[in-house]
Amino acid sequence: MVGLIAAPGGGYQLVGADGGVYAFGDGNFLGSMSGRLARPAVGGTAA
């Protein structure tokens, strides 16, 4: 895991180096780039 993003409602999202996004609690899953990145992800941020 290369990033952790807190959700306002108490959940969170984890970001994997392969581009995968994993949502827990109130963290919304809006898709991921798992297996589609040319280089490993190095972090994540809320948008």
C-alpha atoms as a PDB file:
ATOM      1  CA  MET A   1       0.000   0.000   0.000  1.00  0.00           C
ATOM      2  CA  VAL A   2       1.315   3.400  -0.944  1.00  0.00           C
ATOM      3  CA  GLY A   3      -1.512   5.679   0.184  1.00  0.00           C
ATOM      4  CA  LEU A   4      -4.376   6.011   2.636  1.00  0.00           C
ATOM      5  CA  ILE A   5      -7.154   8.548   2.032  1.00  0.00           C
ATOM      6  CA  ALA A   6      -9.628   9.338   4.816  1.00  0.00           C
ATOM      7  CA  ALA A   7     -13.309   9.752   3.873  1.00  0.00           C
ATOM      8  CA  PRO A   8     -15.430  12.418   5.633  1.00  0.00           C
ATOM      9  CA  GLY A   9     -17.879   9.825   7.017  1.00  0.00           C
ATOM     10  CA  GLY A  10     -15.274   7.716   8.781  1.00  0.00           C
ATOM     11  CA  GLY A  11     -14.219   5.304   6.029  1.00  0.00           C
ATOM     12  CA  TYR A  12     -11.043   5.248   4.004  1.00  0.00           C
ATOM     13  CA  GLN A  13      -9.469   4.140   0.737  1.00  0.00           C
ATOM     14  CA  LEU A  14      -6.162   2.338   0.328  1.00  0.00           C
ATOM     15  CA  VAL A  15      -4.059   2.800  -2.804  1.00  0.00           C
ATOM     16  CA  GLY A  16      -1.811  -0.019  -3.994  1.00  0.00           C
ATOM     17  CA  ALA A  17       1.405   0.368  -5.996  1.00  0.00           C
ATOM     18  CA  ASP A  18      -0.293  -1.497  -8.866  1.00  0.00           C
ATOM     19  CA  GLY A  19      -2.993   1.224  -9.094  1.00  0.00           C
ATOM     20  CA  GLY A  20      -5.623  -0.743  -7.191  1.00  0.00           C
ATOM     21  CA  VAL A  21      -8.013   1.194  -4.962  1.00  0.00           C
ATOM     22  CA  TYR A  22      -9.656  -0.520  -2.004  1.00  0.00           C
ATOM     23  CA  ALA A  23     -12.576   1.186  -0.223  1.00  0.00           C
ATOM     24  CA  PHE A  24     -13.597   0.534   3.393  1.00  0.00           C
ATOM     25  CA  GLY A  25     -16.447   1.942   5.476  1.00  0.00           C
ATOM     26  CA  ASP A  26     -17.789   5.176   3.973  1.00  0.00           C
ATOM     27  CA  GLY A  27     -14.928   5.424   1.464  1.00  0.00           C
ATOM     28  CA  ASN A  28     -16.500   5.352  -2.005  1.00  0.00           C
ATOM     29  CA  PHE A  29     -15.117   3.062  -4.687  1.00  0.00           C
ATOM     30  CA  LEU A  30     -14.931   5.083  -7.894  1.00  0.00           C
ATOM     31  CA  GLY A  31     -12.770   2.709  -9.925  1.00  0.00           C
ATOM     32  CA  SER A  32      -9.093   1.838 -10.065  1.00  0.00           C
ATOM     33  CA  MET A  33      -6.192   1.576 -12.499  1.00  0.00           C
ATOM     34  CA  SER A  34      -5.043  -1.843 -11.330  1.00  0.00           C
ATOM     35  CA  GLY A  35      -2.718  -3.369 -13.913  1.00  0.00           C
ATOM     36  CA  ARG A  36      -2.957  -0.371 -16.284  1.00  0.00           C
ATOM     37  CA  LEU A  37      -0.115   1.807 -15.030  1.00  0.00           C
ATOM     38  CA  ALA A  38       3.198   2.079 -16.881  1.00  0.00           C
ATOM     39  CA  ARG A  39       4.969   2.711 -13.542  1.00  0.00           C
ATOM     40  CA  PRO A  40       4.061   1.965  -9.921  1.00  0.00           C
ATOM     41  CA  ALA A  41       1.859   4.446  -8.059  1.00  0.00           C
ATOM     42  CA  VAL A  42       3.648   6.349  -5.299  1.00  0.00           C
ATOM     43  CA  GLY A  43       0.682   7.779  -3.359  1.00  0.00           C
ATOM     44  CA  GLY A  44      -2.903   8.953  -3.439  1.00  0.00           C
ATOM     45  CA  THR A  45      -4.858  12.096  -2.659  1.00  0.00           C
ATOM     46  CA  ALA A  46      -8.489  13.101  -2.155  1.00  0.00           C
ATOM     47  CA  ALA A  47     -10.130  15.001  -4.981  1.00  0.00           C
END
